[in-house]
């Protein structure tokens, strides 16, 4: 079983532990300090994007070797759900596959929550089809809009409506749910407006549901993070996307150099400033996460930071210190 599969298999147990920690602390992230042997101890609570969760899980695994008395828990309520908990001071870290929205900024401000945004990795939001699909090798943004736009609901139901050269094959659509940052990013990039999408598709905040759906239907198409494609090569395949400059496949190189457009994106963690300042275990974990980002990204099948992004992340940490 692969690294990601092992992590996701254990995620429900991790979430259960997180719930116990929060219950014991009256809904607040647990305090920490120094362990008996002089090392750091305590809990770090993270929630949010299911795309970013494997990154934070990988960082937690590596960090466990450095600080075995720190318990890092990671839940996946989607980017929007994660920000709701973060702004309610229920978490130390919010995993996000998009930047924080204005209304979420207001929510945190009203609660007195100050935070720092850190870009932690890069990802290519991938359009995927069933492995048996041998015709949709490259799709334009216009064709993707034909499939996913709100006006397509109930009317565009067959691949041959997308392109007359495509076969008479019924479309089956899978993708992120409305609480997901992946949903926000995809709808904005493809349909021109965040949240604008046909509703007759199978949505889920769990990208593994999309993997299963695409794998199980020859006419399927879906959207999710590139790392899930790399993790499940026998279940689906990514199509190239033509954003106006020709067909480009999602790869580490095309995401970092900006040619995989418009679906290349940055991934984030948001750190509660008070948690960082007052909880040694949170500071130690976040510092470790940023310094080890390349190893963490490689282990979780994501794309590491550019030198410029890494410098910016380090500068953000310096403002917290």
C-alpha atoms as a PDB file:
ATOM      1  CA  UNK A   1       0.000   0.000   0.000  1.00  0.00           C
ATOM      2  CA  UNK A   2       1.310   3.468  -0.911  1.00  0.00           C
ATOM      3  CA  UNK A   3       2.243   6.248   1.503  1.00  0.00           C
ATOM      4  CA  UNK A   4      -0.889   8.280   0.732  1.00  0.00           C
ATOM      5  CA  UNK A   5      -3.128   5.234   0.997  1.00  0.00           C
ATOM      6  CA  UNK A   6      -1.710   4.411   4.391  1.00  0.00           C
ATOM      7  CA  UNK A   7      -2.243   7.995   5.534  1.00  0.00           C
ATOM      8  CA  UNK A   8      -5.819   8.144   4.307  1.00  0.00           C
ATOM      9  CA  UNK A   9      -6.593   4.751   5.792  1.00  0.00           C
ATOM     10  CA  UNK A  10      -5.566   6.095   9.181  1.00  0.00           C
ATOM     11  CA  UNK A  11      -7.267   9.454   8.773  1.00  0.00           C
ATOM     12  CA  UNK A  12     -10.544   8.493  10.435  1.00  0.00           C
ATOM     13  CA  UNK A  13      -8.658   7.348  13.525  1.00  0.00           C
ATOM     14  CA  UNK A  14      -6.714  10.589  13.537  1.00  0.00           C
ATOM     15  CA  UNK A  15      -9.904  12.628  13.311  1.00  0.00           C
ATOM     16  CA  UNK A  16     -11.326  10.687  16.248  1.00  0.00           C
ATOM     17  CA  UNK A  17      -8.294  11.565  18.334  1.00  0.00           C
ATOM     18  CA  UNK A  18      -8.670  15.218  17.320  1.00  0.00           C
ATOM     19  CA  UNK A  19     -12.271  15.189  18.479  1.00  0.00           C
ATOM     20  CA  UNK A  20     -11.236  13.823  21.881  1.00  0.00           C
ATOM     21  CA  UNK A  21      -8.560  16.479  22.227  1.00  0.00           C
ATOM     22  CA  UNK A  22     -11.007  19.261  21.428  1.00  0.00           C
ATOM     23  CA  UNK A  23     -13.640  17.845  23.773  1.00  0.00           C
ATOM     24  CA  UNK A  24     -11.154  17.646  26.614  1.00  0.00           C
ATOM     25  CA  UNK A  25     -10.220  21.286  26.063  1.00  0.00           C
ATOM     26  CA  UNK A  26     -13.721  22.677  25.843  1.00  0.00           C
ATOM     27  CA  UNK A  27     -13.513  23.136  22.086  1.00  0.00           C
ATOM     28  CA  UNK A  28     -10.149  24.927  22.148  1.00  0.00           C
ATOM     29  CA  UNK A  29      -6.843  23.612  20.786  1.00  0.00           C
ATOM     30  CA  UNK A  30      -4.855  21.889  23.506  1.00  0.00           C
ATOM     31  CA  UNK A  31      -2.055  23.747  25.264  1.00  0.00           C
ATOM     32  CA  UNK A  32       1.444  22.297  25.336  1.00  0.00           C
ATOM     33  CA  UNK A  33       4.901  22.862  26.669  1.00  0.00           C
ATOM     34  CA  UNK A  34       8.006  20.880  27.489  1.00  0.00           C
ATOM     35  CA  UNK A  35       8.003  17.111  27.962  1.00  0.00           C
ATOM     36  CA  UNK A  36       9.714  15.330  30.829  1.00  0.00           C
ATOM     37  CA  UNK A  37      12.859  14.759  28.773  1.00  0.00           C
ATOM     38  CA  UNK A  38      13.158  18.431  27.875  1.00  0.00           C
ATOM     39  CA  UNK A  39      11.562  18.150  24.431  1.00  0.00           C
ATOM     40  CA  UNK A  40       8.432  19.865  23.199  1.00  0.00           C
ATOM     41  CA  UNK A  41       5.043  18.252  23.873  1.00  0.00           C
ATOM     42  CA  UNK A  42       1.329  18.854  23.399  1.00  0.00           C
ATOM     43  CA  UNK A  43      -1.183  18.868  20.576  1.00  0.00           C
ATOM     44  CA  UNK A  44      -1.393  20.588  17.207  1.00  0.00           C
ATOM     45  CA  UNK A  45      -4.859  20.651  15.638  1.00  0.00           C
ATOM     46  CA  UNK A  46      -5.301  21.110  11.876  1.00  0.00           C
ATOM     47  CA  UNK A  47      -8.417  20.941   9.691  1.00  0.00           C
ATOM     48  CA  UNK A  48      -9.520  21.987   6.232  1.00  0.00           C
ATOM     49  CA  UNK A  49      -8.735  20.940   2.674  1.00  0.00           C
ATOM     50  CA  UNK A  50      -8.714  17.250   1.781  1.00  0.00           C
ATOM     51  CA  UNK A  51      -6.169  18.134  -0.910  1.00  0.00           C
ATOM     52  CA  UNK A  52      -3.716  19.631   1.568  1.00  0.00           C
ATOM     53  CA  UNK A  53      -4.375  17.067   4.325  1.00  0.00           C
ATOM     54  CA  UNK A  54      -1.885  14.468   3.002  1.00  0.00           C
ATOM     55  CA  UNK A  55       0.816  17.146   3.011  1.00  0.00           C
ATOM     56  CA  UNK A  56       0.197  18.013   6.646  1.00  0.00           C
ATOM     57  CA  UNK A  57      -0.045  14.313   7.516  1.00  0.00           C
ATOM     58  CA  UNK A  58       3.325  13.699   5.873  1.00  0.00           C
ATOM     59  CA  UNK A  59       4.852  16.626   7.771  1.00  0.00           C
ATOM     60  CA  UNK A  60       3.387  15.237  10.995  1.00  0.00           C
ATOM     61  CA  UNK A  61       4.920  11.825  10.317  1.00  0.00           C
ATOM     62  CA  UNK A  62       8.365  13.290   9.738  1.00  0.00           C
ATOM     63  CA  UNK A  63       8.000  15.594  12.736  1.00  0.00           C
ATOM     64  CA  UNK A  64       7.149  12.659  14.986  1.00  0.00           C
ATOM     65  CA  UNK A  65      10.757  11.530  14.704  1.00  0.00           C
ATOM     66  CA  UNK A  66      11.862  14.952  15.933  1.00  0.00           C
ATOM     67  CA  UNK A  67       9.215  15.441  18.625  1.00  0.00           C
ATOM     68  CA  UNK A  68       7.528  12.158  19.605  1.00  0.00           C
ATOM     69  CA  UNK A  69       5.558  13.833  22.412  1.00  0.00           C
ATOM     70  CA  UNK A  70       3.692  16.129  20.020  1.00  0.00           C
ATOM     71  CA  UNK A  71       0.370  14.854  18.673  1.00  0.00           C
ATOM     72  CA  UNK A  72      -0.534  16.452  15.333  1.00  0.00           C
ATOM     73  CA  UNK A  73      -4.118  15.719  14.292  1.00  0.00           C
ATOM     74  CA  UNK A  74      -5.522  16.421  10.836  1.00  0.00           C
ATOM     75  CA  UNK A  75      -9.213  16.494   9.869  1.00  0.00           C
ATOM     76  CA  UNK A  76     -10.770  17.163   6.460  1.00  0.00           C
ATOM     77  CA  UNK A  77     -13.907  19.287   6.511  1.00  0.00           C
ATOM     78  CA  UNK A  78     -12.976  21.072   3.278  1.00  0.00           C
ATOM     79  CA  UNK A  79     -11.281  24.440   2.905  1.00  0.00           C
ATOM     80  CA  UNK A  80     -14.424  26.376   3.791  1.00  0.00           C
ATOM     81  CA  UNK A  81     -15.275  24.130   6.723  1.00  0.00           C
ATOM     82  CA  UNK A  82     -11.702  24.382   7.937  1.00  0.00           C
ATOM     83  CA  UNK A  83     -11.778  28.173   7.931  1.00  0.00           C
ATOM     84  CA  UNK A  84     -15.050  28.128   9.891  1.00  0.00           C
ATOM     85  CA  UNK A  85     -13.354  26.111  12.635  1.00  0.00           C
ATOM     86  CA  UNK A  86     -10.151  28.144  12.412  1.00  0.00           C
ATOM     87  CA  UNK A  87     -12.022  31.423  12.874  1.00  0.00           C
ATOM     88  CA  UNK A  88     -13.869  29.873  15.825  1.00  0.00           C
ATOM     89  CA  UNK A  89     -10.453  29.197  17.437  1.00  0.00           C
ATOM     90  CA  UNK A  90     -10.943  25.443  17.284  1.00  0.00           C
ATOM     91  CA  UNK A  91      -7.750  24.761  15.315  1.00  0.00           C
ATOM     92  CA  UNK A  92      -4.146  25.913  15.217  1.00  0.00           C
ATOM     93  CA  UNK A  93      -3.682  25.396  11.472  1.00  0.00           C
ATOM     94  CA  UNK A  94      -6.134  25.609   8.586  1.00  0.00           C
ATOM     95  CA  UNK A  95      -5.244  23.620   5.456  1.00  0.00           C
ATOM     96  CA  UNK A  96      -6.474  25.430   2.341  1.00  0.00           C
ATOM     97  CA  UNK A  97      -6.406  24.789  -1.393  1.00  0.00           C
ATOM     98  CA  UNK A  98      -7.356  28.415  -2.103  1.00  0.00           C
ATOM     99  CA  UNK A  99      -6.721  31.784  -0.440  1.00  0.00           C
ATOM    100  CA  UNK A 100      -8.995  32.857   2.389  1.00  0.00           C
ATOM    101  CA  UNK A 101     -12.163  34.675   1.226  1.00  0.00           C
ATOM    102  CA  UNK A 102     -13.272  38.152   2.304  1.00  0.00           C
ATOM    103  CA  UNK A 103     -16.142  36.795   4.362  1.00  0.00           C
ATOM    104  CA  UNK A 104     -13.785  34.375   6.128  1.00  0.00           C
ATOM    105  CA  UNK A 105     -11.356  37.209   6.835  1.00  0.00           C
ATOM    106  CA  UNK A 106     -14.247  39.128   8.408  1.00  0.00           C
ATOM    107  CA  UNK A 107     -15.235  36.077  10.461  1.00  0.00           C
ATOM    108  CA  UNK A 108     -11.726  35.782  11.875  1.00  0.00           C
ATOM    109  CA  UNK A 109     -11.492  39.526  12.510  1.00  0.00           C
ATOM    110  CA  UNK A 110     -14.772  39.523  14.435  1.00  0.00           C
ATOM    111  CA  UNK A 111     -13.452  36.670  16.579  1.00  0.00           C
ATOM    112  CA  UNK A 112     -10.119  38.405  17.148  1.00  0.00           C
ATOM    113  CA  UNK A 113      -8.185  35.691  15.325  1.00  0.00           C
ATOM    114  CA  UNK A 114      -4.937  36.901  13.757  1.00  0.00           C
ATOM    115  CA  UNK A 115      -3.228  34.562  11.324  1.00  0.00           C
ATOM    116  CA  UNK A 116      -0.422  34.160   8.826  1.00  0.00           C
ATOM    117  CA  UNK A 117      -0.839  32.704   5.325  1.00  0.00           C
ATOM    118  CA  UNK A 118       1.976  30.429   4.135  1.00  0.00           C
ATOM    119  CA  UNK A 119       2.239  28.838   0.685  1.00  0.00           C
ATOM    120  CA  UNK A 120       3.337  25.284   1.466  1.00  0.00           C
ATOM    121  CA  UNK A 121       3.301  23.474  -1.926  1.00  0.00           C
ATOM    122  CA  UNK A 122       2.061  23.609  -5.512  1.00  0.00           C
ATOM    123  CA  UNK A 123      -0.528  21.475  -7.242  1.00  0.00           C
ATOM    124  CA  UNK A 124      -2.038  21.022 -10.668  1.00  0.00           C
ATOM    125  CA  UNK A 125      -5.800  20.773 -10.516  1.00  0.00           C
ATOM    126  CA  UNK A 126      -6.304  17.883 -12.912  1.00  0.00           C
ATOM    127  CA  UNK A 127      -9.141  16.977 -15.255  1.00  0.00           C
ATOM    128  CA  UNK A 128      -9.383  13.194 -15.249  1.00  0.00           C
ATOM    129  CA  UNK A 129     -11.139  10.548 -17.308  1.00  0.00           C
ATOM    130  CA  UNK A 130     -11.597   6.810 -17.149  1.00  0.00           C
ATOM    131  CA  UNK A 131      -8.540   4.762 -18.249  1.00  0.00           C
ATOM    132  CA  UNK A 132     -10.570   3.330 -21.153  1.00  0.00           C
ATOM    133  CA  UNK A 133     -11.166   6.791 -22.593  1.00  0.00           C
ATOM    134  CA  UNK A 134      -8.854   7.051 -25.628  1.00  0.00           C
ATOM    135  CA  UNK A 135     -10.410  10.115 -27.301  1.00  0.00           C
ATOM    136  CA  UNK A 136     -10.381  12.975 -24.769  1.00  0.00           C
ATOM    137  CA  UNK A 137      -6.616  13.404 -24.745  1.00  0.00           C
ATOM    138  CA  UNK A 138      -6.753  17.211 -24.677  1.00  0.00           C
ATOM    139  CA  UNK A 139      -9.667  19.480 -23.788  1.00  0.00           C
ATOM    140  CA  UNK A 140      -9.863  23.229 -24.209  1.00  0.00           C
ATOM    141  CA  UNK A 141     -11.146  25.505 -21.473  1.00  0.00           C
ATOM    142  CA  UNK A 142     -14.153  26.142 -23.722  1.00  0.00           C
ATOM    143  CA  UNK A 143     -14.896  22.420 -23.954  1.00  0.00           C
ATOM    144  CA  UNK A 144     -14.572  22.060 -20.193  1.00  0.00           C
ATOM    145  CA  UNK A 145     -16.989  24.942 -19.782  1.00  0.00           C
ATOM    146  CA  UNK A 146     -19.355  23.188 -22.196  1.00  0.00           C
ATOM    147  CA  UNK A 147     -19.296  20.181 -19.885  1.00  0.00           C
ATOM    148  CA  UNK A 148     -19.311  21.911 -16.474  1.00  0.00           C
ATOM    149  CA  UNK A 149     -21.044  25.269 -16.972  1.00  0.00           C
ATOM    150  CA  UNK A 150     -24.411  25.832 -15.236  1.00  0.00           C
ATOM    151  CA  UNK A 151     -26.163  26.003 -18.605  1.00  0.00           C
ATOM    152  CA  UNK A 152     -25.033  22.431 -19.341  1.00  0.00           C
ATOM    153  CA  UNK A 153     -27.247  21.009 -16.620  1.00  0.00           C
ATOM    154  CA  UNK A 154     -29.663  18.495 -18.068  1.00  0.00           C
ATOM    155  CA  UNK A 155     -28.659  19.341 -21.645  1.00  0.00           C
ATOM    156  CA  UNK A 156     -25.018  18.326 -22.202  1.00  0.00           C
ATOM    157  CA  UNK A 157     -25.165  14.658 -21.300  1.00  0.00           C
ATOM    158  CA  UNK A 158     -23.090  12.960 -23.993  1.00  0.00           C
ATOM    159  CA  UNK A 159     -19.458  13.191 -25.066  1.00  0.00           C
ATOM    160  CA  UNK A 160     -20.475  13.775 -28.695  1.00  0.00           C
ATOM    161  CA  UNK A 161     -22.100  17.053 -27.624  1.00  0.00           C
ATOM    162  CA  UNK A 162     -18.679  18.263 -26.478  1.00  0.00           C
ATOM    163  CA  UNK A 163     -17.033  17.424 -29.796  1.00  0.00           C
ATOM    164  CA  UNK A 164     -18.722  15.723 -32.788  1.00  0.00           C
ATOM    165  CA  UNK A 165     -15.648  13.529 -33.209  1.00  0.00           C
ATOM    166  CA  UNK A 166     -16.168  12.061 -29.751  1.00  0.00           C
ATOM    167  CA  UNK A 167     -18.203   8.847 -29.461  1.00  0.00           C
ATOM    168  CA  UNK A 168     -21.832   8.458 -28.469  1.00  0.00           C
ATOM    169  CA  UNK A 169     -21.054   7.882 -24.801  1.00  0.00           C
ATOM    170  CA  UNK A 170     -22.990   9.186 -21.821  1.00  0.00           C
ATOM    171  CA  UNK A 171     -21.174  11.603 -19.547  1.00  0.00           C
ATOM    172  CA  UNK A 172     -20.765  10.789 -15.845  1.00  0.00           C
ATOM    173  CA  UNK A 173     -19.476  13.706 -13.793  1.00  0.00           C
ATOM    174  CA  UNK A 174     -17.569  13.669 -10.509  1.00  0.00           C
ATOM    175  CA  UNK A 175     -15.803  16.406  -8.590  1.00  0.00           C
ATOM    176  CA  UNK A 176     -15.301  18.418  -5.451  1.00  0.00           C
ATOM    177  CA  UNK A 177     -18.164  19.563  -3.233  1.00  0.00           C
ATOM    178  CA  UNK A 178     -19.000  23.166  -2.391  1.00  0.00           C
ATOM    179  CA  UNK A 179     -16.944  23.255   0.836  1.00  0.00           C
ATOM    180  CA  UNK A 180     -13.797  22.392  -1.097  1.00  0.00           C
ATOM    181  CA  UNK A 181     -11.208  24.921  -2.236  1.00  0.00           C
ATOM    182  CA  UNK A 182     -10.795  22.733  -5.316  1.00  0.00           C
ATOM    183  CA  UNK A 183     -14.448  23.449  -6.176  1.00  0.00           C
ATOM    184  CA  UNK A 184     -13.930  27.190  -5.814  1.00  0.00           C
ATOM    185  CA  UNK A 185     -10.780  27.205  -7.920  1.00  0.00           C
ATOM    186  CA  UNK A 186     -12.125  24.991 -10.698  1.00  0.00           C
ATOM    187  CA  UNK A 187     -15.418  26.822 -11.113  1.00  0.00           C
ATOM    188  CA  UNK A 188     -13.686  30.201 -11.238  1.00  0.00           C
ATOM    189  CA  UNK A 189     -11.009  29.077 -13.716  1.00  0.00           C
ATOM    190  CA  UNK A 190     -13.313  27.116 -16.040  1.00  0.00           C
ATOM    191  CA  UNK A 191     -16.729  28.717 -15.681  1.00  0.00           C
ATOM    192  CA  UNK A 192     -15.629  32.276 -14.971  1.00  0.00           C
ATOM    193  CA  UNK A 193     -17.338  32.582 -11.627  1.00  0.00           C
ATOM    194  CA  UNK A 194     -16.638  30.941  -8.299  1.00  0.00           C
ATOM    195  CA  UNK A 195     -19.423  28.513  -7.459  1.00  0.00           C
ATOM    196  CA  UNK A 196     -20.924  28.504 -10.957  1.00  0.00           C
ATOM    197  CA  UNK A 197     -21.436  24.877 -11.998  1.00  0.00           C
ATOM    198  CA  UNK A 198     -24.102  22.448 -13.129  1.00  0.00           C
ATOM    199  CA  UNK A 199     -25.590  20.646 -10.135  1.00  0.00           C
ATOM    200  CA  UNK A 200     -26.305  17.292 -11.792  1.00  0.00           C
ATOM    201  CA  UNK A 201     -22.912  15.815 -10.916  1.00  0.00           C
ATOM    202  CA  UNK A 202     -21.634  13.704  -8.025  1.00  0.00           C
ATOM    203  CA  UNK A 203     -19.884  16.053  -5.560  1.00  0.00           C
ATOM    204  CA  UNK A 204     -17.731  15.122  -2.574  1.00  0.00           C
ATOM    205  CA  UNK A 205     -15.263  16.822  -0.245  1.00  0.00           C
ATOM    206  CA  UNK A 206     -13.382  13.493  -0.292  1.00  0.00           C
ATOM    207  CA  UNK A 207     -11.307  13.279  -3.487  1.00  0.00           C
ATOM    208  CA  UNK A 208     -11.148   9.504  -3.138  1.00  0.00           C
ATOM    209  CA  UNK A 209     -14.855   9.375  -3.988  1.00  0.00           C
ATOM    210  CA  UNK A 210     -14.045  11.117  -7.268  1.00  0.00           C
ATOM    211  CA  UNK A 211     -11.282   8.582  -7.923  1.00  0.00           C
ATOM    212  CA  UNK A 212     -13.719   5.714  -7.408  1.00  0.00           C
ATOM    213  CA  UNK A 213     -16.413   7.308  -9.555  1.00  0.00           C
ATOM    214  CA  UNK A 214     -14.115   7.992 -12.509  1.00  0.00           C
ATOM    215  CA  UNK A 215     -12.603   4.520 -12.282  1.00  0.00           C
ATOM    216  CA  UNK A 216     -16.035   2.899 -12.370  1.00  0.00           C
ATOM    217  CA  UNK A 217     -17.578   4.507 -15.470  1.00  0.00           C
ATOM    218  CA  UNK A 218     -16.127   4.586 -18.988  1.00  0.00           C
ATOM    219  CA  UNK A 219     -17.845   7.900 -19.725  1.00  0.00           C
ATOM    220  CA  UNK A 220     -16.667   9.561 -16.531  1.00  0.00           C
ATOM    221  CA  UNK A 221     -14.876  12.880 -16.171  1.00  0.00           C
ATOM    222  CA  UNK A 222     -13.846  14.577 -12.941  1.00  0.00           C
ATOM    223  CA  UNK A 223     -11.553  17.162 -11.407  1.00  0.00           C
ATOM    224  CA  UNK A 224      -9.169  16.873  -8.457  1.00  0.00           C
ATOM    225  CA  UNK A 225      -5.557  17.447  -7.413  1.00  0.00           C
ATOM    226  CA  UNK A 226      -2.678  16.087  -9.491  1.00  0.00           C
ATOM    227  CA  UNK A 227      -1.306  14.087  -6.593  1.00  0.00           C
ATOM    228  CA  UNK A 228      -4.382  11.851  -6.639  1.00  0.00           C
ATOM    229  CA  UNK A 229      -3.705  11.084 -10.302  1.00  0.00           C
ATOM    230  CA  UNK A 230      -0.133  10.118  -9.502  1.00  0.00           C
ATOM    231  CA  UNK A 231      -1.375   7.977  -6.645  1.00  0.00           C
ATOM    232  CA  UNK A 232      -4.010   6.158  -8.744  1.00  0.00           C
ATOM    233  CA  UNK A 233      -2.544   5.656 -12.234  1.00  0.00           C
ATOM    234  CA  UNK A 234      -4.630   2.540 -12.901  1.00  0.00           C
ATOM    235  CA  UNK A 235      -7.913   4.185 -11.895  1.00  0.00           C
ATOM    236  CA  UNK A 236      -7.870   7.303 -14.067  1.00  0.00           C
ATOM    237  CA  UNK A 237      -5.730   9.451 -16.309  1.00  0.00           C
ATOM    238  CA  UNK A 238      -5.253  13.189 -16.611  1.00  0.00           C
ATOM    239  CA  UNK A 239      -6.083  14.928 -19.868  1.00  0.00           C
ATOM    240  CA  UNK A 240      -4.055  17.796 -21.257  1.00  0.00           C
ATOM    241  CA  UNK A 241      -5.664  21.229 -21.004  1.00  0.00           C
ATOM    242  CA  UNK A 242      -5.510  23.936 -23.633  1.00  0.00           C
ATOM    243  CA  UNK A 243      -5.788  27.296 -21.948  1.00  0.00           C
ATOM    244  CA  UNK A 244      -5.174  29.145 -25.204  1.00  0.00           C
ATOM    245  CA  UNK A 245      -1.522  28.358 -25.830  1.00  0.00           C
ATOM    246  CA  UNK A 246      -1.821  24.708 -26.804  1.00  0.00           C
ATOM    247  CA  UNK A 247      -2.290  21.429 -24.984  1.00  0.00           C
ATOM    248  CA  UNK A 248      -0.315  21.119 -21.741  1.00  0.00           C
ATOM    249  CA  UNK A 249      -0.203  18.160 -19.378  1.00  0.00           C
ATOM    250  CA  UNK A 250      -0.201  18.716 -15.611  1.00  0.00           C
ATOM    251  CA  UNK A 251       3.323  18.011 -14.324  1.00  0.00           C
ATOM    252  CA  UNK A 252       5.630  19.418 -11.679  1.00  0.00           C
ATOM    253  CA  UNK A 253       7.440  21.420 -14.336  1.00  0.00           C
ATOM    254  CA  UNK A 254       4.352  22.868 -16.051  1.00  0.00           C
ATOM    255  CA  UNK A 255       2.760  23.812 -12.739  1.00  0.00           C
ATOM    256  CA  UNK A 256       5.880  25.560 -11.442  1.00  0.00           C
ATOM    257  CA  UNK A 257       6.633  27.393 -14.682  1.00  0.00           C
ATOM    258  CA  UNK A 258       3.031  28.535 -15.109  1.00  0.00           C
ATOM    259  CA  UNK A 259       2.386  26.879 -18.478  1.00  0.00           C
ATOM    260  CA  UNK A 260      -0.305  24.583 -17.058  1.00  0.00           C
ATOM    261  CA  UNK A 261      -2.900  27.318 -17.223  1.00  0.00           C
ATOM    262  CA  UNK A 262      -5.412  28.062 -15.846  1.00  0.00           C
ATOM    263  CA  UNK A 263      -5.374  25.077 -13.472  1.00  0.00           C
ATOM    264  CA  UNK A 264      -1.985  25.341 -11.757  1.00  0.00           C
ATOM    265  CA  UNK A 265      -2.351  26.546  -8.177  1.00  0.00           C
ATOM    266  CA  UNK A 266      -0.659  27.162  -4.850  1.00  0.00           C
ATOM    267  CA  UNK A 267      -1.615  25.309  -1.669  1.00  0.00           C
ATOM    268  CA  UNK A 268      -1.667  26.967   1.745  1.00  0.00           C
ATOM    269  CA  UNK A 269      -1.593  26.582   5.467  1.00  0.00           C
ATOM    270  CA  UNK A 270      -2.965  29.337   7.695  1.00  0.00           C
ATOM    271  CA  UNK A 271      -1.376  29.558  11.131  1.00  0.00           C
ATOM    272  CA  UNK A 272      -3.086  31.033  14.178  1.00  0.00           C
ATOM    273  CA  UNK A 273      -0.596  33.668  15.366  1.00  0.00           C
ATOM    274  CA  UNK A 274      -1.482  33.205  19.021  1.00  0.00           C
ATOM    275  CA  UNK A 275      -1.021  29.440  18.775  1.00  0.00           C
ATOM    276  CA  UNK A 276       2.384  29.961  17.181  1.00  0.00           C
ATOM    277  CA  UNK A 277       3.449  32.452  19.847  1.00  0.00           C
ATOM    278  CA  UNK A 278       2.048  30.689  22.890  1.00  0.00           C
ATOM    279  CA  UNK A 279       2.346  26.971  22.094  1.00  0.00           C
ATOM    280  CA  UNK A 280       5.898  25.699  21.606  1.00  0.00           C
ATOM    281  CA  UNK A 281       4.649  22.569  19.882  1.00  0.00           C
ATOM    282  CA  UNK A 282       2.810  24.606  17.214  1.00  0.00           C
ATOM    283  CA  UNK A 283       5.833  26.804  16.561  1.00  0.00           C
ATOM    284  CA  UNK A 284       8.133  23.774  16.327  1.00  0.00           C
ATOM    285  CA  UNK A 285       5.807  21.940  13.953  1.00  0.00           C
ATOM    286  CA  UNK A 286       5.183  24.889  11.635  1.00  0.00           C
ATOM    287  CA  UNK A 287       8.897  25.745  11.515  1.00  0.00           C
ATOM    288  CA  UNK A 288       9.695  22.121  10.701  1.00  0.00           C
ATOM    289  CA  UNK A 289       6.935  21.955   8.066  1.00  0.00           C
ATOM    290  CA  UNK A 290       8.269  24.957   6.158  1.00  0.00           C
ATOM    291  CA  UNK A 291      11.926  23.958   6.402  1.00  0.00           C
ATOM    292  CA  UNK A 292      11.127  20.397   5.264  1.00  0.00           C
ATOM    293  CA  UNK A 293       8.630  21.366   2.550  1.00  0.00           C
ATOM    294  CA  UNK A 294      10.559  19.712  -0.293  1.00  0.00           C
ATOM    295  CA  UNK A 295      10.759  16.337   1.457  1.00  0.00           C
ATOM    296  CA  UNK A 296       7.145  16.615   2.612  1.00  0.00           C
ATOM    297  CA  UNK A 297       5.910  17.465  -0.898  1.00  0.00           C
ATOM    298  CA  UNK A 298       7.843  14.579  -2.432  1.00  0.00           C
ATOM    299  CA  UNK A 299       6.518  12.082   0.119  1.00  0.00           C
ATOM    300  CA  UNK A 300       2.916  13.208  -0.373  1.00  0.00           C
ATOM    301  CA  UNK A 301       3.245  13.369  -4.198  1.00  0.00           C
ATOM    302  CA  UNK A 302       2.924  17.132  -4.463  1.00  0.00           C
ATOM    303  CA  UNK A 303       5.062  19.769  -6.154  1.00  0.00           C
ATOM    304  CA  UNK A 304       7.567  21.583  -3.967  1.00  0.00           C
ATOM    305  CA  UNK A 305       8.028  25.309  -3.649  1.00  0.00           C
ATOM    306  CA  UNK A 306      10.120  27.382  -6.002  1.00  0.00           C
ATOM    307  CA  UNK A 307      13.101  29.172  -4.475  1.00  0.00           C
ATOM    308  CA  UNK A 308      11.111  32.401  -4.465  1.00  0.00           C
ATOM    309  CA  UNK A 309       8.143  30.748  -2.751  1.00  0.00           C
ATOM    310  CA  UNK A 310      10.419  29.140  -0.149  1.00  0.00           C
ATOM    311  CA  UNK A 311      12.031  32.491   0.649  1.00  0.00           C
ATOM    312  CA  UNK A 312       8.607  34.091   1.026  1.00  0.00           C
ATOM    313  CA  UNK A 313       7.467  31.309   3.367  1.00  0.00           C
ATOM    314  CA  UNK A 314      10.574  31.743   5.499  1.00  0.00           C
ATOM    315  CA  UNK A 315      10.024  35.488   5.587  1.00  0.00           C
ATOM    316  CA  UNK A 316       6.461  34.917   6.798  1.00  0.00           C
ATOM    317  CA  UNK A 317       7.771  32.730   9.613  1.00  0.00           C
ATOM    318  CA  UNK A 318      10.272  35.399  10.560  1.00  0.00           C
ATOM    319  CA  UNK A 319       7.434  37.874  11.128  1.00  0.00           C
ATOM    320  CA  UNK A 320       5.821  35.378  13.517  1.00  0.00           C
ATOM    321  CA  UNK A 321       9.048  34.744  15.427  1.00  0.00           C
END
